[in-house]
C-alpha atoms as a PDB file:
ATOM      1  CA  MET A   1     -66.590  30.885 -19.571  1.00  0.00           C
ATOM      2  CA  ARG A   2     -62.973  32.122 -18.668  1.00  0.00           C
ATOM      3  CA  SER A   3     -61.984  28.914 -17.568  1.00  0.00           C
ATOM      4  CA  VAL A   4     -63.401  27.062 -20.537  1.00  0.00           C
ATOM      5  CA  THR A   5     -61.583  29.596 -22.872  1.00  0.00           C
ATOM      6  CA  ALA A   6     -58.194  29.217 -20.680  1.00  0.00           C
ATOM      7  CA  ALA A   7     -58.461  25.458 -20.932  1.00  0.00           C
ATOM      8  CA  LEU A   8     -59.060  25.755 -25.077  1.00  0.00           C
ATOM      9  CA  SER A   9     -55.974  27.998 -25.121  1.00  0.00           C
ATOM     10  CA  ARG A  10     -53.591  25.759 -23.284  1.00  0.00           C
ATOM     11  CA  SER A  11     -54.928  23.043 -25.486  1.00  0.00           C
ATOM     12  CA  ARG A  12     -53.876  24.900 -28.642  1.00  0.00           C
ATOM     13  CA  LEU A  13     -50.684  25.530 -27.218  1.00  0.00           C
ATOM     14  CA  ARG A  14     -49.814  21.903 -26.439  1.00  0.00           C
ATOM     15  CA  ARG A  15     -50.885  21.177 -29.877  1.00  0.00           C
ATOM     16  CA  LEU A  16     -48.790  23.845 -31.383  1.00  0.00           C
ATOM     17  CA  ALA A  17     -45.770  22.920 -29.209  1.00  0.00           C
ATOM     18  CA  ALA A  18     -46.216  19.341 -30.266  1.00  0.00           C
ATOM     19  CA  GLY A  19     -46.376  20.397 -33.896  1.00  0.00           C
ATOM     20  CA  VAL A  20     -43.258  22.233 -33.707  1.00  0.00           C
ATOM     21  CA  ALA A  21     -41.510  19.614 -31.958  1.00  0.00           C
ATOM     22  CA  ILE A  22     -42.238  17.258 -34.543  1.00  0.00           C
ATOM     23  CA  ALA A  23     -41.320  19.595 -37.191  1.00  0.00           C
ATOM     24  CA  VAL A  24     -37.653  20.094 -35.721  1.00  0.00           C
ATOM     25  CA  LEU A  25     -37.318  16.461 -35.175  1.00  0.00           C
ATOM     26  CA  LEU A  26     -38.125  15.427 -39.135  1.00  0.00           C
ATOM     27  CA  GLY A  27     -35.833  18.318 -39.870  1.00  0.00           C
ATOM     28  CA  VAL A  28     -33.079  16.684 -37.904  1.00  0.00           C
ATOM     29  CA  LEU A  29     -33.840  13.389 -39.359  1.00  0.00           C
ATOM     30  CA  ALA A  30     -33.731  14.869 -43.033  1.00  0.00           C
ATOM     31  CA  VAL A  31     -29.921  16.178 -42.282  1.00  0.00           C
ATOM     32  CA  VAL A  32     -28.770  12.901 -40.837  1.00  0.00           C
ATOM     33  CA  HIS A  33     -30.104  10.779 -43.624  1.00  0.00           C
ATOM     34  CA  ALA A  34     -29.599  13.379 -46.454  1.00  0.00           C
ATOM     35  CA  PRO A  35     -26.689  11.855 -48.803  1.00  0.00           C
ATOM     36  CA  GLY A  36     -23.301  13.598 -48.398  1.00  0.00           C
ATOM     37  CA  THR A  37     -24.162  15.619 -45.345  1.00  0.00           C
ATOM     38  CA  ALA A  38     -22.287  13.595 -43.090  1.00  0.00           C
ATOM     39  CA  ALA A  39     -18.883  12.038 -43.096  1.00  0.00           C
ATOM     40  CA  HIS A  40     -20.592   8.541 -42.353  1.00  0.00           C
ATOM     41  CA  GLY A  41     -22.976   8.934 -45.003  1.00  0.00           C
ATOM     42  CA  ALA A  42     -20.915  10.126 -47.527  1.00  0.00           C
ATOM     43  CA  ARG A  43     -18.380   7.258 -46.571  1.00  0.00           C
ATOM     44  CA  SER A  44     -21.220   4.322 -46.878  1.00  0.00           C
ATOM     45  CA  HIS A  45     -22.617   5.685 -50.292  1.00  0.00           C
ATOM     46  CA  ALA A  46     -19.174   5.761 -51.850  1.00  0.00           C
ATOM     47  CA  PRO A  47     -18.570   3.098 -54.665  1.00  0.00           C
ATOM     48  CA  LYS A  48     -17.046  -0.066 -53.741  1.00  0.00           C
ATOM     49  CA  PRO A  49     -13.287  -0.330 -55.316  1.00  0.00           C
ATOM     50  CA  MET A  50     -12.503  -3.115 -57.799  1.00  0.00           C
ATOM     51  CA  VAL A  51     -10.788  -6.246 -56.282  1.00  0.00           C
ATOM     52  CA  VAL A  52      -7.949  -7.542 -58.209  1.00  0.00           C
ATOM     53  CA  LEU A  53      -6.649 -10.742 -57.171  1.00  0.00           C
ATOM     54  CA  VAL A  54      -3.339 -12.418 -58.230  1.00  0.00           C
ATOM     55  CA  HIS A  55      -2.568 -15.608 -57.559  1.00  0.00           C
ATOM     56  CA  GLY A  56       0.888 -17.544 -56.711  1.00  0.00           C
ATOM     57  CA  ALA A  57       3.413 -20.191 -58.275  1.00  0.00           C
ATOM     58  CA  TRP A  58       2.085 -23.824 -58.702  1.00  0.00           C
ATOM     59  CA  ALA A  59      -1.484 -22.550 -58.875  1.00  0.00           C
ATOM     60  CA  ASP A  60      -3.601 -20.337 -61.178  1.00  0.00           C
ATOM     61  CA  ALA A  61      -6.497 -17.879 -61.005  1.00  0.00           C
ATOM     62  CA  SER A  62      -8.976 -20.665 -59.976  1.00  0.00           C
ATOM     63  CA  SER A  63      -7.518 -20.744 -56.764  1.00  0.00           C
ATOM     64  CA  TRP A  64      -9.424 -17.736 -56.051  1.00  0.00           C
ATOM     65  CA  SER A  65     -12.692 -19.181 -56.806  1.00  0.00           C
ATOM     66  CA  GLY A  66     -14.260 -19.323 -53.392  1.00  0.00           C
ATOM     67  CA  VAL A  67     -13.059 -15.783 -52.635  1.00  0.00           C
ATOM     68  CA  VAL A  68     -14.340 -14.400 -56.059  1.00  0.00           C
ATOM     69  CA  GLN A  69     -17.863 -16.103 -55.342  1.00  0.00           C
ATOM     70  CA  ARG A  70     -18.232 -14.440 -51.981  1.00  0.00           C
ATOM     71  CA  LEU A  71     -16.963 -10.944 -53.238  1.00  0.00           C
ATOM     72  CA  GLN A  72     -19.198 -10.976 -55.835  1.00  0.00           C
ATOM     73  CA  ALA A  73     -22.242 -11.915 -53.948  1.00  0.00           C
ATOM     74  CA  ASP A  74     -21.598  -8.853 -51.496  1.00  0.00           C
ATOM     75  CA  GLY A  75     -21.394  -6.799 -54.644  1.00  0.00           C
ATOM     76  CA  TYR A  76     -17.702  -6.247 -55.525  1.00  0.00           C
ATOM     77  CA  ARG A  77     -16.442  -6.171 -58.951  1.00  0.00           C
ATOM     78  CA  VAL A  78     -13.558  -8.748 -59.067  1.00  0.00           C
ATOM     79  CA  ALA A  79     -10.641  -9.571 -61.752  1.00  0.00           C
ATOM     80  CA  ALA A  80      -8.368 -12.563 -61.047  1.00  0.00           C
ATOM     81  CA  PRO A  81      -5.893 -12.203 -64.069  1.00  0.00           C
ATOM     82  CA  PRO A  82      -3.288 -14.893 -64.928  1.00  0.00           C
ATOM     83  CA  ASN A  83       0.134 -14.563 -63.375  1.00  0.00           C
ATOM     84  CA  PRO A  84       2.391 -15.431 -65.936  1.00  0.00           C
ATOM     85  CA  LEU A  85       5.275 -17.160 -63.444  1.00  0.00           C
ATOM     86  CA  ARG A  86       8.167 -16.411 -65.870  1.00  0.00           C
ATOM     87  CA  SER A  87       9.838 -13.573 -64.174  1.00  0.00           C
ATOM     88  CA  LEU A  88       9.380 -11.134 -61.223  1.00  0.00           C
ATOM     89  CA  SER A  89      10.027  -8.198 -63.004  1.00  0.00           C
ATOM     90  CA  GLY A  90       7.948  -9.385 -66.127  1.00  0.00           C
ATOM     91  CA  ASP A  91       5.025 -10.766 -64.088  1.00  0.00           C
ATOM     92  CA  ALA A  92       5.034  -7.627 -62.387  1.00  0.00           C
ATOM     93  CA  ALA A  93       5.059  -5.344 -65.653  1.00  0.00           C
ATOM     94  CA  TYR A  94       2.258  -7.458 -66.955  1.00  0.00           C
ATOM     95  CA  VAL A  95       0.002  -7.106 -63.779  1.00  0.00           C
ATOM     96  CA  ARG A  96       0.790  -3.374 -63.954  1.00  0.00           C
ATOM     97  CA  THR A  97      -0.352  -3.338 -67.491  1.00  0.00           C
ATOM     98  CA  TYR A  98      -3.471  -4.972 -66.538  1.00  0.00           C
ATOM     99  CA  LEU A  99      -4.107  -2.454 -63.683  1.00  0.00           C
ATOM    100  CA  ASP A 100      -3.536   0.358 -66.246  1.00  0.00           C
ATOM    101  CA  SER A 101      -6.682  -0.688 -68.169  1.00  0.00           C
ATOM    102  CA  LEU A 102      -8.906  -0.168 -65.118  1.00  0.00           C
ATOM    103  CA  SER A 103     -10.395   2.948 -63.760  1.00  0.00           C
ATOM    104  CA  GLY A 104     -11.272   3.875 -60.285  1.00  0.00           C
ATOM    105  CA  PRO A 105      -9.924   2.641 -56.865  1.00  0.00           C
ATOM    106  CA  ILE A 106      -8.294  -0.930 -56.443  1.00  0.00           C
ATOM    107  CA  VAL A 107      -7.527  -3.291 -53.714  1.00  0.00           C
ATOM    108  CA  LEU A 108      -4.790  -5.457 -55.043  1.00  0.00           C
ATOM    109  CA  VAL A 109      -4.412  -8.769 -53.303  1.00  0.00           C
ATOM    110  CA  GLY A 110      -1.749 -11.436 -53.636  1.00  0.00           C
ATOM    111  CA  HIS A 111      -1.167 -14.898 -52.657  1.00  0.00           C
ATOM    112  CA  SER A 112       2.248 -16.466 -51.933  1.00  0.00           C
ATOM    113  CA  TYR A 113       4.598 -15.309 -54.871  1.00  0.00           C
ATOM    114  CA  GLY A 114       1.531 -13.214 -55.928  1.00  0.00           C
ATOM    115  CA  GLY A 115       2.615 -11.064 -53.082  1.00  0.00           C
ATOM    116  CA  ALA A 116       5.996 -10.283 -54.579  1.00  0.00           C
ATOM    117  CA  VAL A 117       4.158  -9.361 -57.732  1.00  0.00           C
ATOM    118  CA  ILE A 118       1.571  -6.972 -56.354  1.00  0.00           C
ATOM    119  CA  THR A 119       4.722  -5.192 -54.176  1.00  0.00           C
ATOM    120  CA  ASN A 120       6.367  -4.445 -57.452  1.00  0.00           C
ATOM    121  CA  ALA A 121       3.267  -3.949 -59.855  1.00  0.00           C
ATOM    122  CA  ALA A 122       1.510  -1.363 -57.611  1.00  0.00           C
ATOM    123  CA  THR A 123       4.521   1.005 -56.742  1.00  0.00           C
ATOM    124  CA  GLY A 124       3.526   4.641 -57.926  1.00  0.00           C
ATOM    125  CA  ASP A 125      -0.168   3.362 -59.037  1.00  0.00           C
ATOM    126  CA  PRO A 126      -2.232   6.096 -57.465  1.00  0.00           C
ATOM    127  CA  ASN A 127      -5.416   4.009 -58.469  1.00  0.00           C
ATOM    128  CA  VAL A 128      -4.183   1.151 -55.891  1.00  0.00           C
ATOM    129  CA  ARG A 129      -5.685   2.288 -52.565  1.00  0.00           C
ATOM    130  CA  ALA A 130      -4.936  -0.910 -50.495  1.00  0.00           C
ATOM    131  CA  LEU A 131      -2.545  -4.007 -50.697  1.00  0.00           C
ATOM    132  CA  VAL A 132      -3.736  -7.150 -49.252  1.00  0.00           C
ATOM    133  CA  TYR A 133      -1.257 -10.290 -48.529  1.00  0.00           C
ATOM    134  CA  VAL A 134      -2.518 -13.686 -48.439  1.00  0.00           C
ATOM    135  CA  ASP A 135       0.085 -16.273 -46.862  1.00  0.00           C
ATOM    136  CA  ALA A 136       2.465 -14.060 -49.145  1.00  0.00           C
ATOM    137  CA  PHE A 137       5.805 -12.581 -49.793  1.00  0.00           C
ATOM    138  CA  ALA A 138       6.287  -8.709 -49.072  1.00  0.00           C
ATOM    139  CA  PRO A 139       9.707  -8.169 -50.133  1.00  0.00           C
ATOM    140  CA  ASP A 140      11.969  -5.067 -49.871  1.00  0.00           C
ATOM    141  CA  LYS A 141      14.146  -3.679 -52.315  1.00  0.00           C
ATOM    142  CA  GLY A 142      16.984  -6.165 -53.322  1.00  0.00           C
ATOM    143  CA  GLU A 143      15.327  -9.154 -51.503  1.00  0.00           C
ATOM    144  CA  ASN A 144      14.339 -12.357 -53.659  1.00  0.00           C
ATOM    145  CA  VAL A 145      11.775 -15.056 -52.551  1.00  0.00           C
ATOM    146  CA  SER A 146      13.971 -17.816 -51.847  1.00  0.00           C
ATOM    147  CA  GLN A 147      15.557 -16.042 -48.957  1.00  0.00           C
ATOM    148  CA  LEU A 148      12.174 -14.540 -47.574  1.00  0.00           C
ATOM    149  CA  ALA A 149      10.789 -18.013 -46.897  1.00  0.00           C
ATOM    150  CA  GLY A 150      13.247 -18.878 -44.456  1.00  0.00           C
ATOM    151  CA  PRO A 151      15.137 -22.112 -43.394  1.00  0.00           C
ATOM    152  CA  ASP A 152      11.924 -23.322 -41.695  1.00  0.00           C
ATOM    153  CA  SER A 153      10.373 -23.513 -45.098  1.00  0.00           C
ATOM    154  CA  ALA A 154       9.321 -26.982 -46.558  1.00  0.00           C
ATOM    155  CA  LEU A 155      11.112 -25.735 -49.670  1.00  0.00           C
ATOM    156  CA  SER A 156      14.230 -24.712 -48.077  1.00  0.00           C
ATOM    157  CA  VAL A 157      16.058 -27.797 -49.045  1.00  0.00           C
ATOM    158  CA  ASP A 158      18.027 -29.464 -51.578  1.00  0.00           C
ATOM    159  CA  PRO A 159      15.778 -28.566 -54.368  1.00  0.00           C
ATOM    160  CA  THR A 160      16.129 -32.177 -56.154  1.00  0.00           C
ATOM    161  CA  THR A 161      13.998 -33.473 -53.245  1.00  0.00           C
ATOM    162  CA  VAL A 162      11.064 -31.188 -53.662  1.00  0.00           C
ATOM    163  CA  PHE A 163      11.135 -30.236 -57.326  1.00  0.00           C
ATOM    164  CA  ASN A 164      10.775 -31.886 -60.451  1.00  0.00           C
ATOM    165  CA  PHE A 165      12.668 -29.865 -63.311  1.00  0.00           C
ATOM    166  CA  VAL A 166      11.338 -29.373 -66.852  1.00  0.00           C
ATOM    167  CA  PRO A 167      13.712 -29.686 -68.755  1.00  0.00           C
ATOM    168  CA  ALA A 168      15.379 -32.431 -66.461  1.00  0.00           C
ATOM    169  CA  THR A 169      19.020 -31.176 -67.293  1.00  0.00           C
ATOM    170  CA  LEU A 170      20.898 -30.148 -64.031  1.00  0.00           C
ATOM    171  CA  PRO A 171      21.561 -27.761 -62.939  1.00  0.00           C
ATOM    172  CA  PRO A 172      18.328 -25.823 -63.654  1.00  0.00           C
ATOM    173  CA  THR A 173      18.587 -22.380 -65.349  1.00  0.00           C
ATOM    174  CA  ALA A 174      16.468 -19.275 -64.841  1.00  0.00           C
ATOM    175  CA  THR A 175      14.062 -20.452 -67.355  1.00  0.00           C
ATOM    176  CA  THR A 176      13.721 -24.095 -66.089  1.00  0.00           C
ATOM    177  CA  ASP A 177      10.186 -24.867 -64.958  1.00  0.00           C
ATOM    178  CA  LEU A 178       9.924 -26.232 -61.353  1.00  0.00           C
ATOM    179  CA  TYR A 179       7.004 -28.354 -60.513  1.00  0.00           C
ATOM    180  CA  ILE A 180       6.592 -29.511 -56.713  1.00  0.00           C
ATOM    181  CA  ASN A 181       6.700 -33.015 -56.230  1.00  0.00           C
ATOM    182  CA  THR A 182       3.356 -34.648 -55.577  1.00  0.00           C
ATOM    183  CA  SER A 183       4.580 -35.710 -51.659  1.00  0.00           C
ATOM    184  CA  THR A 184       5.689 -32.103 -50.756  1.00  0.00           C
ATOM    185  CA  PHE A 185       2.631 -30.891 -52.477  1.00  0.00           C
ATOM    186  CA  LEU A 186       0.351 -32.820 -50.355  1.00  0.00           C
ATOM    187  CA  THR A 187       2.061 -32.556 -47.175  1.00  0.00           C
ATOM    188  CA  SER A 188       3.140 -29.012 -46.961  1.00  0.00           C
ATOM    189  CA  PHE A 189       1.853 -27.003 -49.785  1.00  0.00           C
ATOM    190  CA  ALA A 190      -1.806 -27.957 -49.845  1.00  0.00           C
ATOM    191  CA  ASN A 191      -1.984 -29.037 -45.968  1.00  0.00           C
ATOM    192  CA  GLY A 192      -5.382 -28.178 -44.803  1.00  0.00           C
ATOM    193  CA  VAL A 193      -7.076 -28.965 -48.114  1.00  0.00           C
ATOM    194  CA  PRO A 194      -9.179 -31.931 -48.408  1.00  0.00           C
ATOM    195  CA  ILE A 195      -7.038 -34.666 -49.657  1.00  0.00           C
ATOM    196  CA  THR A 196      -9.087 -35.377 -52.778  1.00  0.00           C
ATOM    197  CA  GLN A 197      -8.922 -31.906 -53.809  1.00  0.00           C
ATOM    198  CA  ALA A 198      -5.195 -31.377 -52.742  1.00  0.00           C
ATOM    199  CA  ARG A 199      -4.448 -34.293 -55.467  1.00  0.00           C
ATOM    200  CA  VAL A 200      -6.237 -32.715 -58.144  1.00  0.00           C
ATOM    201  CA  LEU A 201      -4.433 -29.524 -57.530  1.00  0.00           C
ATOM    202  CA  ALA A 202      -1.211 -31.494 -57.620  1.00  0.00           C
ATOM    203  CA  VAL A 203      -1.427 -32.803 -60.971  1.00  0.00           C
ATOM    204  CA  SER A 204      -2.754 -29.739 -62.437  1.00  0.00           C
ATOM    205  CA  GLN A 205      -0.147 -27.352 -61.290  1.00  0.00           C
ATOM    206  CA  ARG A 206       1.139 -24.384 -63.168  1.00  0.00           C
ATOM    207  CA  PRO A 207       4.928 -24.518 -62.760  1.00  0.00           C
ATOM    208  CA  ALA A 208       7.038 -21.392 -61.990  1.00  0.00           C
ATOM    209  CA  THR A 209      10.437 -20.909 -63.559  1.00  0.00           C
ATOM    210  CA  LEU A 210      13.499 -20.670 -61.309  1.00  0.00           C
ATOM    211  CA  GLY A 211      13.857 -16.989 -62.179  1.00  0.00           C
ATOM    212  CA  PRO A 212      11.232 -15.479 -60.341  1.00  0.00           C
ATOM    213  CA  ILE A 213      12.401 -17.163 -56.916  1.00  0.00           C
ATOM    214  CA  THR A 214      16.086 -15.740 -57.073  1.00  0.00           C
ATOM    215  CA  GLU A 215      15.337 -12.569 -58.942  1.00  0.00           C
ATOM    216  CA  PRO A 216      15.732  -9.156 -56.601  1.00  0.00           C
ATOM    217  CA  SER A 217      12.513  -7.284 -56.035  1.00  0.00           C
ATOM    218  CA  GLY A 218      12.228  -3.489 -56.767  1.00  0.00           C
ATOM    219  CA  VAL A 219      10.860  -0.608 -54.690  1.00  0.00           C
ATOM    220  CA  PRO A 220       7.834  -1.889 -52.638  1.00  0.00           C
ATOM    221  CA  ALA A 221       4.771  -0.672 -53.036  1.00  0.00           C
ATOM    222  CA  TRP A 222       3.929  -1.047 -49.373  1.00  0.00           C
ATOM    223  CA  ARG A 223       5.929   1.866 -48.518  1.00  0.00           C
ATOM    224  CA  THR A 224       3.365   4.331 -49.730  1.00  0.00           C
ATOM    225  CA  ILE A 225       0.089   2.318 -49.954  1.00  0.00           C
ATOM    226  CA  PRO A 226      -1.681   0.898 -46.952  1.00  0.00           C
ATOM    227  CA  SER A 227      -1.479  -2.886 -46.380  1.00  0.00           C
ATOM    228  CA  TRP A 228      -3.252  -5.716 -44.964  1.00  0.00           C
ATOM    229  CA  TYR A 229      -1.765  -9.053 -44.075  1.00  0.00           C
ATOM    230  CA  LEU A 230      -3.304 -12.334 -43.230  1.00  0.00           C
ATOM    231  CA  ILE A 231      -1.097 -15.132 -42.013  1.00  0.00           C
ATOM    232  CA  GLY A 232      -1.904 -18.655 -42.040  1.00  0.00           C
ATOM    233  CA  THR A 233      -0.597 -20.440 -38.649  1.00  0.00           C
ATOM    234  CA  ARG A 234      -0.190 -23.727 -40.416  1.00  0.00           C
ATOM    235  CA  ASP A 235       1.717 -22.363 -43.563  1.00  0.00           C
ATOM    236  CA  LYS A 236       4.668 -24.820 -44.069  1.00  0.00           C
ATOM    237  CA  ILE A 237       5.825 -22.958 -47.320  1.00  0.00           C
ATOM    238  CA  ILE A 238       6.196 -19.448 -45.911  1.00  0.00           C
ATOM    239  CA  PRO A 239       5.994 -20.097 -42.000  1.00  0.00           C
ATOM    240  CA  PRO A 240       4.166 -17.751 -39.736  1.00  0.00           C
ATOM    241  CA  ALA A 241       7.224 -16.220 -38.352  1.00  0.00           C
ATOM    242  CA  ALA A 242       8.672 -15.235 -41.604  1.00  0.00           C
ATOM    243  CA  GLU A 243       5.212 -13.722 -42.761  1.00  0.00           C
ATOM    244  CA  ARG A 244       4.674 -11.845 -39.485  1.00  0.00           C
ATOM    245  CA  ALA A 245       8.298 -10.290 -39.827  1.00  0.00           C
ATOM    246  CA  MET A 246       7.241  -9.154 -43.533  1.00  0.00           C
ATOM    247  CA  ALA A 247       3.978  -7.955 -42.225  1.00  0.00           C
ATOM    248  CA  GLU A 248       5.481  -5.833 -39.440  1.00  0.00           C
ATOM    249  CA  ARG A 249       7.981  -4.250 -41.292  1.00  0.00           C
ATOM    250  CA  ALA A 250       5.446  -3.271 -43.967  1.00  0.00           C
ATOM    251  CA  HIS A 251       3.406  -1.877 -41.011  1.00  0.00           C
ATOM    252  CA  SER A 252       0.549  -4.134 -42.238  1.00  0.00           C
ATOM    253  CA  ILE A 253      -2.820  -4.541 -40.418  1.00  0.00           C
ATOM    254  CA  ILE A 254      -2.484  -8.174 -39.451  1.00  0.00           C
ATOM    255  CA  SER A 255      -4.817 -10.892 -39.016  1.00  0.00           C
ATOM    256  CA  PHE A 256      -4.509 -14.658 -38.491  1.00  0.00           C
ATOM    257  CA  PHE A 257      -6.642 -17.493 -39.398  1.00  0.00           C
ATOM    258  CA  HIS A 258      -5.750 -21.417 -38.822  1.00  0.00           C
ATOM    259  CA  ALA A 259      -5.024 -22.632 -42.449  1.00  0.00           C
ATOM    260  CA  GLY A 260      -1.984 -23.708 -44.307  1.00  0.00           C
ATOM    261  CA  HIS A 261      -0.454 -22.263 -47.602  1.00  0.00           C
ATOM    262  CA  LEU A 262      -3.606 -22.773 -49.567  1.00  0.00           C
ATOM    263  CA  GLY A 263      -5.870 -20.770 -47.093  1.00  0.00           C
ATOM    264  CA  LEU A 264      -7.339 -19.028 -49.778  1.00  0.00           C
ATOM    265  CA  ILE A 265      -8.997 -22.410 -50.724  1.00  0.00           C
ATOM    266  CA  SER A 266      -9.744 -24.038 -47.609  1.00  0.00           C
ATOM    267  CA  ASN A 267     -11.108 -20.851 -45.779  1.00  0.00           C
ATOM    268  CA  PRO A 268     -12.319 -18.409 -48.128  1.00  0.00           C
ATOM    269  CA  ASN A 269     -14.354 -16.414 -45.637  1.00  0.00           C
ATOM    270  CA  ALA A 270     -11.464 -15.345 -43.668  1.00  0.00           C
ATOM    271  CA  VAL A 271      -9.953 -13.993 -46.820  1.00  0.00           C
ATOM    272  CA  VAL A 272     -13.023 -12.033 -47.975  1.00  0.00           C
ATOM    273  CA  ARG A 273     -13.299 -10.513 -44.343  1.00  0.00           C
ATOM    274  CA  VAL A 274      -9.860  -9.261 -44.520  1.00  0.00           C
ATOM    275  CA  ILE A 275     -10.000  -7.840 -48.299  1.00  0.00           C
ATOM    276  CA  GLU A 276     -13.442  -6.117 -47.411  1.00  0.00           C
ATOM    277  CA  ARG A 277     -11.984  -4.539 -44.351  1.00  0.00           C
ATOM    278  CA  ALA A 278      -9.204  -3.194 -46.617  1.00  0.00           C
ATOM    279  CA  ALA A 279     -11.779  -2.043 -49.142  1.00  0.00           C
ATOM    280  CA  ASN A 280     -13.923   0.053 -46.641  1.00  0.00           C
ATOM    281  CA  ALA A 281     -10.881   1.628 -45.521  1.00  0.00           C
ATOM    282  CA  THR A 282     -10.524   3.370 -48.906  1.00  0.00           C
ATOM    283  CA  ARG A 283     -14.330   4.839 -49.195  1.00  0.00           C
END
């Protein structure tokens, strides 16, 4: 009888121990998965920042279409306001006004000349948590876009050989519209884009005036805001060496992709990956 009683006692003890172990395990899991109880959990539940995309010269907001579709599919709020392309200070002021109409954290992205615009527009804006440069200019104070392109740029030649001027009166003034001629557009500006698509882009390009190309930049936002930089290794407008020099000076996190100057069109997946890395770093 004693042996039977002892066996039952041992059985009860085992069941009690098992119950206690399960209770402890459930308690631990509840703590791990409870919202806001751990840094990782709090980070993953933070709201996603809004992504604002600023296009460059000789383009419009539709150049971001592939990027917008992918970001929206991933649950991001996205805006792609028009860049006026009239003057660097004026374009930056317009984009800043647009940013001021938004609330919450922002990831601000610029392509090509759009990079110079976001560099100026985001300065002192506490809502802009990250800058992303895609084949873009990232000027320092006093620099202009034309000098940053460098001597190896396809546009660093006699301007009459690569641009059409409207009005055609020479010499051009700060308000003269510049259009890239078809040959340069297809071989250097849109290299890497399917030729049929490139031809459409060439005839529908939005001109930039001469003013933004030569106007000195202001205090750069990248001095105080973390930045990411995506370099197209086939870019003929802002050669990779020039892009890398700007990215390193800004202490940007640098990535590369096998694309020309319009890599945002030919390879939007690579662009989205960098934008989302920047967005995740703000949460």
